[in-house]
Amino acid sequence: MTRAEDILLIGSADKVNVRGGGPSQFISEIKENAILHSVKDIKNRPCRDIEKTKAPERKRLSYSGLHTYVLCPLQYKLVYECDFAVPQVYWAYFGGAVHGLLEHIHKQAMEGRILQAGELTGLWETMWKPPESWDEKRRETMGKTGLAYLERYVSNYAERLKRIYWVEEQVEIPIRETDLLLTGRLDLACKNGGGIEIIDFKIRKRTGLEV
C-alpha cells in the first residue's frame, strides 16, 4: 500500500466458493475520507502533475564485442545482434575454471586470508569440471596444468595479494562526444602508490591485446 503514488485500488469478489466474499475487514481501518466508492470518483480525482524525465538510452559496447567486429563483422552480427550461441572450445572450459579459482583467491585475500600453494589442490578439484567428451589423458593433462598455473601464481605474486582493491568489478566508460558506453569487467585492480594497477588475466595468447 505504501508504494502507491496517485491512487490505490482495493478490490474484492462478491462471492468466493470457500470463504465467502465481500471486502476484507481490514479495509474498515482505513480512514473513511480516504476511500472512494465508485469508478466515477476515481476518474474525477486529480492526479499529481509530475512528469518523470529519463536519461536517454545509451548503447553499450564491450571490448569483446569490438574485438569480434574487428576480426569478423559477420561473426559480430550473428553473436551480438542475432544472439547465436557459440559452442565452447577446450580453452574456454580450462580458462573458466582457472579464472574462477583466481577470483576465489583474490576475494580471500581481500578478507585478509592469503592462500598458499599447498592449499589449492582441493579447491582446484572442486572447480575443475572438464566435459564428459574429453578423454582421460586430456582431463589429467589440463587439470595438472591449471593447478600448476595457480600454484605458481600465488607463489610469485604473494605481495600483490596484499594490495587488492577490486575483484571482478563491472565498469562502464562513456566515450566522449558519442552516446556510447564501453562496458567491461575488471578481473583485478591493486593499489599501486597513489593509484591503482588494473590486471587482466588471459590463459592463452591472443592477437591484438597490445592495442
C-alpha atoms as a PDB file:
ATOM      1  CA  MET A   1       0.000   0.000   0.000  1.00  0.00           C
ATOM      2  CA  THR A   2       2.851   2.411   0.756  1.00  0.00           C
ATOM      3  CA  ARG A   3       4.126   2.250  -2.832  1.00  0.00           C
ATOM      4  CA  ALA A   4       1.004   3.845  -4.359  1.00  0.00           C
ATOM      5  CA  GLU A   5       1.704   7.384  -5.655  1.00  0.00           C
ATOM      6  CA  ASP A   6      -1.603   8.662  -7.032  1.00  0.00           C
ATOM      7  CA  ILE A   7      -4.270   6.133  -6.179  1.00  0.00           C
ATOM      8  CA  LEU A   8      -4.658   2.694  -4.616  1.00  0.00           C
ATOM      9  CA  LEU A   9      -7.332   0.257  -5.760  1.00  0.00           C
ATOM     10  CA  ILE A  10      -8.503  -2.478  -3.399  1.00  0.00           C
ATOM     11  CA  GLY A  11     -10.893  -4.966  -4.964  1.00  0.00           C
ATOM     12  CA  SER A  12     -12.915  -7.900  -3.692  1.00  0.00           C
ATOM     13  CA  ALA A  13     -15.076 -10.655  -5.136  1.00  0.00           C
ATOM     14  CA  ASP A  14     -18.800 -10.656  -4.357  1.00  0.00           C
ATOM     15  CA  LYS A  15     -18.704 -14.422  -3.936  1.00  0.00           C
ATOM     16  CA  VAL A  16     -15.871 -16.908  -3.305  1.00  0.00           C
ATOM     17  CA  ASN A  17     -16.743 -20.605  -3.042  1.00  0.00           C
ATOM     18  CA  VAL A  18     -14.633 -21.420   0.003  1.00  0.00           C
ATOM     19  CA  ARG A  19     -14.550 -18.379   2.228  1.00  0.00           C
ATOM     20  CA  GLY A  20     -17.475 -16.259   1.183  1.00  0.00           C
ATOM     21  CA  GLY A  21     -16.873 -12.868  -0.387  1.00  0.00           C
ATOM     22  CA  GLY A  22     -17.012  -9.139   0.052  1.00  0.00           C
ATOM     23  CA  PRO A  23     -14.338  -6.723   1.209  1.00  0.00           C
ATOM     24  CA  SER A  24     -11.769  -7.573   3.856  1.00  0.00           C
ATOM     25  CA  GLN A  25     -12.498  -6.458   7.405  1.00  0.00           C
ATOM     26  CA  PHE A  26      -9.181  -4.607   7.437  1.00  0.00           C
ATOM     27  CA  ILE A  27     -10.419  -2.118   4.840  1.00  0.00           C
ATOM     28  CA  SER A  28     -12.589  -0.566   7.548  1.00  0.00           C
ATOM     29  CA  GLU A  29      -9.421   0.510   9.343  1.00  0.00           C
ATOM     30  CA  ILE A  30      -8.588   2.905   6.509  1.00  0.00           C
ATOM     31  CA  LYS A  31      -9.751   6.466   7.133  1.00  0.00           C
ATOM     32  CA  GLU A  32     -13.266   6.879   5.792  1.00  0.00           C
ATOM     33  CA  ASN A  33     -12.499  10.091   3.942  1.00  0.00           C
ATOM     34  CA  ALA A  34      -9.695   8.397   2.005  1.00  0.00           C
ATOM     35  CA  ILE A  35     -11.976   5.792   0.439  1.00  0.00           C
ATOM     36  CA  LEU A  36     -13.547   6.332  -2.995  1.00  0.00           C
ATOM     37  CA  HIS A  37     -16.528   4.117  -3.619  1.00  0.00           C
ATOM     38  CA  SER A  38     -17.062   4.382  -7.384  1.00  0.00           C
ATOM     39  CA  VAL A  39     -15.179   4.481 -10.665  1.00  0.00           C
ATOM     40  CA  LYS A  40     -16.633   7.957 -11.241  1.00  0.00           C
ATOM     41  CA  ASP A  41     -14.919   9.239  -8.099  1.00  0.00           C
ATOM     42  CA  ILE A  42     -11.637   7.821  -9.322  1.00  0.00           C
ATOM     43  CA  LYS A  43     -11.906   9.434 -12.749  1.00  0.00           C
ATOM     44  CA  ASN A  44     -12.725  12.823 -11.258  1.00  0.00           C
ATOM     45  CA  ARG A  45      -9.879  12.789  -8.785  1.00  0.00           C
ATOM     46  CA  PRO A  46      -6.936  14.915  -9.988  1.00  0.00           C
ATOM     47  CA  CYS A  47      -3.581  13.152 -10.143  1.00  0.00           C
ATOM     48  CA  ARG A  48      -0.286  14.751  -9.350  1.00  0.00           C
ATOM     49  CA  ASP A  49       1.082  16.606 -12.356  1.00  0.00           C
ATOM     50  CA  ILE A  50       4.574  15.212 -12.171  1.00  0.00           C
ATOM     51  CA  GLU A  51       6.417  14.188 -15.300  1.00  0.00           C
ATOM     52  CA  LYS A  52       9.408  11.985 -14.652  1.00  0.00           C
ATOM     53  CA  THR A  53      12.285  12.528 -17.030  1.00  0.00           C
ATOM     54  CA  LYS A  54      14.503   9.636 -18.024  1.00  0.00           C
ATOM     55  CA  ALA A  55      18.062   9.792 -19.198  1.00  0.00           C
ATOM     56  CA  PRO A  56      18.415   8.902 -22.875  1.00  0.00           C
ATOM     57  CA  GLU A  57      19.227   5.260 -23.532  1.00  0.00           C
ATOM     58  CA  ARG A  58      22.897   4.733 -24.336  1.00  0.00           C
ATOM     59  CA  LYS A  59      24.196   1.930 -26.478  1.00  0.00           C
ATOM     60  CA  ARG A  60      26.640  -0.353 -24.699  1.00  0.00           C
ATOM     61  CA  LEU A  61      29.662  -1.914 -26.377  1.00  0.00           C
ATOM     62  CA  SER A  62      32.056  -4.390 -24.811  1.00  0.00           C
ATOM     63  CA  TYR A  63      35.716  -4.911 -25.591  1.00  0.00           C
ATOM     64  CA  SER A  64      34.932  -8.493 -26.585  1.00  0.00           C
ATOM     65  CA  GLY A  65      32.289  -7.260 -28.999  1.00  0.00           C
ATOM     66  CA  LEU A  66      34.631  -4.708 -30.560  1.00  0.00           C
ATOM     67  CA  HIS A  67      37.387  -7.309 -30.857  1.00  0.00           C
ATOM     68  CA  THR A  68      34.958  -9.704 -32.553  1.00  0.00           C
ATOM     69  CA  TYR A  69      33.879  -6.987 -35.004  1.00  0.00           C
ATOM     70  CA  VAL A  70      37.474  -6.209 -35.980  1.00  0.00           C
ATOM     71  CA  LEU A  71      38.115  -9.902 -36.666  1.00  0.00           C
ATOM     72  CA  CYS A  72      34.828 -10.574 -38.500  1.00  0.00           C
ATOM     73  CA  PRO A  73      31.792  -8.252 -38.810  1.00  0.00           C
ATOM     74  CA  LEU A  74      29.572 -11.202 -39.776  1.00  0.00           C
ATOM     75  CA  GLN A  75      30.530 -13.042 -36.587  1.00  0.00           C
ATOM     76  CA  TYR A  76      29.710  -9.901 -34.604  1.00  0.00           C
ATOM     77  CA  LYS A  77      26.262  -9.701 -36.207  1.00  0.00           C
ATOM     78  CA  LEU A  78      25.477 -13.371 -35.555  1.00  0.00           C
ATOM     79  CA  VAL A  79      26.630 -13.306 -31.920  1.00  0.00           C
ATOM     80  CA  TYR A  80      25.769  -9.801 -30.692  1.00  0.00           C
ATOM     81  CA  GLU A  81      22.737  -8.908 -32.828  1.00  0.00           C
ATOM     82  CA  CYS A  82      21.152 -12.279 -33.647  1.00  0.00           C
ATOM     83  CA  ASP A  83      22.070 -13.913 -30.297  1.00  0.00           C
ATOM     84  CA  PHE A  84      23.615 -17.036 -31.786  1.00  0.00           C
ATOM     85  CA  ALA A  85      25.179 -19.315 -29.165  1.00  0.00           C
ATOM     86  CA  VAL A  86      28.840 -20.137 -29.721  1.00  0.00           C
ATOM     87  CA  PRO A  87      29.981 -23.630 -28.689  1.00  0.00           C
ATOM     88  CA  GLN A  88      32.697 -23.583 -26.047  1.00  0.00           C
ATOM     89  CA  VAL A  89      36.075 -24.944 -27.052  1.00  0.00           C
ATOM     90  CA  TYR A  90      38.581 -26.646 -24.768  1.00  0.00           C
ATOM     91  CA  TRP A  91      40.392 -23.482 -23.673  1.00  0.00           C
ATOM     92  CA  ALA A  92      37.102 -21.896 -22.595  1.00  0.00           C
ATOM     93  CA  TYR A  93      36.424 -24.681 -20.060  1.00  0.00           C
ATOM     94  CA  PHE A  94      40.020 -24.518 -18.888  1.00  0.00           C
ATOM     95  CA  GLY A  95      40.138 -20.721 -18.715  1.00  0.00           C
ATOM     96  CA  GLY A  96      36.811 -20.528 -16.903  1.00  0.00           C
ATOM     97  CA  ALA A  97      37.987 -22.922 -14.189  1.00  0.00           C
ATOM     98  CA  VAL A  98      41.298 -21.118 -13.668  1.00  0.00           C
ATOM     99  CA  HIS A  99      39.560 -17.750 -13.656  1.00  0.00           C
ATOM    100  CA  GLY A 100      37.009 -18.944 -11.100  1.00  0.00           C
ATOM    101  CA  LEU A 101      39.659 -20.056  -8.647  1.00  0.00           C
ATOM    102  CA  LEU A 102      41.657 -16.863  -9.195  1.00  0.00           C
ATOM    103  CA  GLU A 103      38.555 -14.904  -8.196  1.00  0.00           C
ATOM    104  CA  HIS A 104      38.248 -17.021  -5.029  1.00  0.00           C
ATOM    105  CA  ILE A 105      41.933 -16.471  -4.204  1.00  0.00           C
ATOM    106  CA  HIS A 106      41.574 -12.708  -4.628  1.00  0.00           C
ATOM    107  CA  LYS A 107      38.383 -12.437  -2.563  1.00  0.00           C
ATOM    108  CA  GLN A 108      40.005 -14.432   0.229  1.00  0.00           C
ATOM    109  CA  ALA A 109      42.981 -12.063   0.091  1.00  0.00           C
ATOM    110  CA  MET A 110      40.656  -9.045   0.388  1.00  0.00           C
ATOM    111  CA  GLU A 111      39.367 -10.545   3.625  1.00  0.00           C
ATOM    112  CA  GLY A 112      42.924 -10.906   4.893  1.00  0.00           C
ATOM    113  CA  ARG A 113      43.492 -14.607   4.180  1.00  0.00           C
ATOM    114  CA  ILE A 114      46.343 -15.278   1.765  1.00  0.00           C
ATOM    115  CA  LEU A 115      46.067 -18.797   0.359  1.00  0.00           C
ATOM    116  CA  GLN A 116      49.274 -20.801  -0.015  1.00  0.00           C
ATOM    117  CA  ALA A 117      50.175 -23.035  -2.940  1.00  0.00           C
ATOM    118  CA  GLY A 118      49.671 -26.175  -0.868  1.00  0.00           C
ATOM    119  CA  GLU A 119      46.035 -25.244  -0.159  1.00  0.00           C
ATOM    120  CA  LEU A 120      44.966 -25.091  -3.793  1.00  0.00           C
ATOM    121  CA  THR A 121      44.759 -28.784  -4.704  1.00  0.00           C
ATOM    122  CA  GLY A 122      41.414 -29.428  -3.018  1.00  0.00           C
ATOM    123  CA  LEU A 123      39.940 -26.145  -4.244  1.00  0.00           C
ATOM    124  CA  TRP A 124      41.041 -26.879  -7.816  1.00  0.00           C
ATOM    125  CA  GLU A 125      39.433 -30.316  -7.729  1.00  0.00           C
ATOM    126  CA  THR A 126      36.071 -28.740  -6.892  1.00  0.00           C
ATOM    127  CA  MET A 127      36.449 -26.143  -9.668  1.00  0.00           C
ATOM    128  CA  TRP A 128      37.861 -28.294 -12.471  1.00  0.00           C
ATOM    129  CA  LYS A 129      34.936 -29.999 -14.249  1.00  0.00           C
ATOM    130  CA  PRO A 130      36.015 -30.847 -17.824  1.00  0.00           C
ATOM    131  CA  PRO A 131      33.451 -32.030 -20.395  1.00  0.00           C
ATOM    132  CA  GLU A 132      32.495 -35.699 -20.445  1.00  0.00           C
ATOM    133  CA  SER A 133      33.551 -35.841 -24.089  1.00  0.00           C
ATOM    134  CA  TRP A 134      37.222 -35.339 -23.182  1.00  0.00           C
ATOM    135  CA  ASP A 135      39.417 -38.399 -22.960  1.00  0.00           C
ATOM    136  CA  GLU A 136      41.144 -39.234 -19.682  1.00  0.00           C
ATOM    137  CA  LYS A 137      44.565 -38.065 -20.874  1.00  0.00           C
ATOM    138  CA  ARG A 138      43.341 -34.580 -21.791  1.00  0.00           C
ATOM    139  CA  ARG A 139      41.460 -34.237 -18.492  1.00  0.00           C
ATOM    140  CA  GLU A 140      44.544 -35.181 -16.499  1.00  0.00           C
ATOM    141  CA  THR A 141      46.945 -33.040 -18.527  1.00  0.00           C
ATOM    142  CA  MET A 142      44.789 -29.916 -18.458  1.00  0.00           C
ATOM    143  CA  GLY A 143      43.986 -30.444 -14.777  1.00  0.00           C
ATOM    144  CA  LYS A 144      47.657 -30.617 -13.814  1.00  0.00           C
ATOM    145  CA  THR A 145      48.448 -27.598 -15.994  1.00  0.00           C
ATOM    146  CA  GLY A 146      45.748 -25.466 -14.358  1.00  0.00           C
ATOM    147  CA  LEU A 147      46.864 -26.362 -10.848  1.00  0.00           C
ATOM    148  CA  ALA A 148      50.481 -25.585 -11.761  1.00  0.00           C
ATOM    149  CA  TYR A 149      49.460 -22.156 -13.106  1.00  0.00           C
ATOM    150  CA  LEU A 150      47.622 -21.315  -9.900  1.00  0.00           C
ATOM    151  CA  GLU A 151      50.336 -22.581  -7.558  1.00  0.00           C
ATOM    152  CA  ARG A 152      52.922 -20.573  -9.453  1.00  0.00           C
ATOM    153  CA  TYR A 153      50.705 -17.501  -9.303  1.00  0.00           C
ATOM    154  CA  VAL A 154      50.209 -17.465  -5.517  1.00  0.00           C
ATOM    155  CA  SER A 155      53.947 -18.110  -5.021  1.00  0.00           C
ATOM    156  CA  ASN A 156      55.179 -15.438  -7.438  1.00  0.00           C
ATOM    157  CA  TYR A 157      52.590 -12.771  -6.635  1.00  0.00           C
ATOM    158  CA  ALA A 158      52.091 -13.104  -2.885  1.00  0.00           C
ATOM    159  CA  GLU A 159      52.935  -9.416  -2.447  1.00  0.00           C
ATOM    160  CA  ARG A 160      50.221  -8.410  -4.939  1.00  0.00           C
ATOM    161  CA  LEU A 161      47.586 -10.247  -2.896  1.00  0.00           C
ATOM    162  CA  LYS A 162      48.148  -7.775  -0.067  1.00  0.00           C
ATOM    163  CA  ARG A 163      47.245  -4.775  -2.258  1.00  0.00           C
ATOM    164  CA  ILE A 164      43.922  -5.854  -3.774  1.00  0.00           C
ATOM    165  CA  TYR A 165      41.419  -3.056  -4.353  1.00  0.00           C
ATOM    166  CA  TRP A 166      38.764  -4.555  -6.682  1.00  0.00           C
ATOM    167  CA  VAL A 167      37.863  -8.084  -7.737  1.00  0.00           C
ATOM    168  CA  GLU A 168      35.649  -8.728 -10.773  1.00  0.00           C
ATOM    169  CA  GLU A 169      34.316  -5.176 -10.898  1.00  0.00           C
ATOM    170  CA  GLN A 170      31.848  -4.166 -13.628  1.00  0.00           C
ATOM    171  CA  VAL A 171      32.703  -0.833 -15.273  1.00  0.00           C
ATOM    172  CA  GLU A 172      31.061   1.475 -17.817  1.00  0.00           C
ATOM    173  CA  ILE A 173      33.149   4.155 -19.508  1.00  0.00           C
ATOM    174  CA  PRO A 174      31.409   6.912 -21.527  1.00  0.00           C
ATOM    175  CA  ILE A 175      33.009   7.634 -24.898  1.00  0.00           C
ATOM    176  CA  ARG A 176      33.318  11.378 -25.404  1.00  0.00           C
ATOM    177  CA  GLU A 177      31.089  13.117 -27.944  1.00  0.00           C
ATOM    178  CA  THR A 178      29.036   9.976 -28.532  1.00  0.00           C
ATOM    179  CA  ASP A 179      26.043   8.255 -26.920  1.00  0.00           C
ATOM    180  CA  LEU A 180      28.093   5.087 -26.349  1.00  0.00           C
ATOM    181  CA  LEU A 181      29.218   3.331 -23.198  1.00  0.00           C
ATOM    182  CA  LEU A 182      32.178   0.962 -23.306  1.00  0.00           C
ATOM    183  CA  THR A 183      31.456  -1.838 -20.860  1.00  0.00           C
ATOM    184  CA  GLY A 184      33.682  -4.441 -19.318  1.00  0.00           C
ATOM    185  CA  ARG A 185      34.701  -6.253 -16.206  1.00  0.00           C
ATOM    186  CA  LEU A 186      37.971  -5.725 -14.373  1.00  0.00           C
ATOM    187  CA  ASP A 187      39.500  -9.042 -13.344  1.00  0.00           C
ATOM    188  CA  LEU A 188      41.618  -7.399 -10.677  1.00  0.00           C
ATOM    189  CA  ALA A 189      42.774  -3.984  -9.519  1.00  0.00           C
ATOM    190  CA  CYS A 190      45.518  -3.475  -6.935  1.00  0.00           C
ATOM    191  CA  LYS A 191      46.613  -0.404  -5.039  1.00  0.00           C
ATOM    192  CA  ASN A 192      49.824   0.932  -6.525  1.00  0.00           C
ATOM    193  CA  GLY A 193      51.270   4.073  -4.976  1.00  0.00           C
ATOM    194  CA  GLY A 194      48.742   6.848  -5.428  1.00  0.00           C
ATOM    195  CA  GLY A 195      46.659   4.962  -7.991  1.00  0.00           C
ATOM    196  CA  ILE A 196      45.559   1.500  -8.987  1.00  0.00           C
ATOM    197  CA  GLU A 197      47.046  -1.144 -11.249  1.00  0.00           C
ATOM    198  CA  ILE A 198      44.495  -2.907 -13.468  1.00  0.00           C
ATOM    199  CA  ILE A 199      45.234  -6.552 -14.293  1.00  0.00           C
ATOM    200  CA  ASP A 200      43.510  -8.723 -16.904  1.00  0.00           C
ATOM    201  CA  PHE A 201      44.121 -12.459 -16.918  1.00  0.00           C
ATOM    202  CA  LYS A 202      44.495 -14.433 -20.153  1.00  0.00           C
ATOM    203  CA  ILE A 203      45.035 -18.175 -20.290  1.00  0.00           C
ATOM    204  CA  ARG A 204      46.151 -18.212 -23.924  1.00  0.00           C
ATOM    205  CA  LYS A 205      47.936 -15.856 -26.275  1.00  0.00           C
ATOM    206  CA  ARG A 206      45.636 -13.624 -28.292  1.00  0.00           C
ATOM    207  CA  THR A 207      46.459 -11.150 -31.024  1.00  0.00           C
ATOM    208  CA  GLY A 208      45.544  -7.527 -30.530  1.00  0.00           C
ATOM    209  CA  LEU A 209      45.960  -7.349 -26.749  1.00  0.00           C
ATOM    210  CA  GLU A 210      48.741  -4.776 -27.059  1.00  0.00           C
ATOM    211  CA  VAL A 211      46.365  -2.474 -28.915  1.00  0.00           C
END
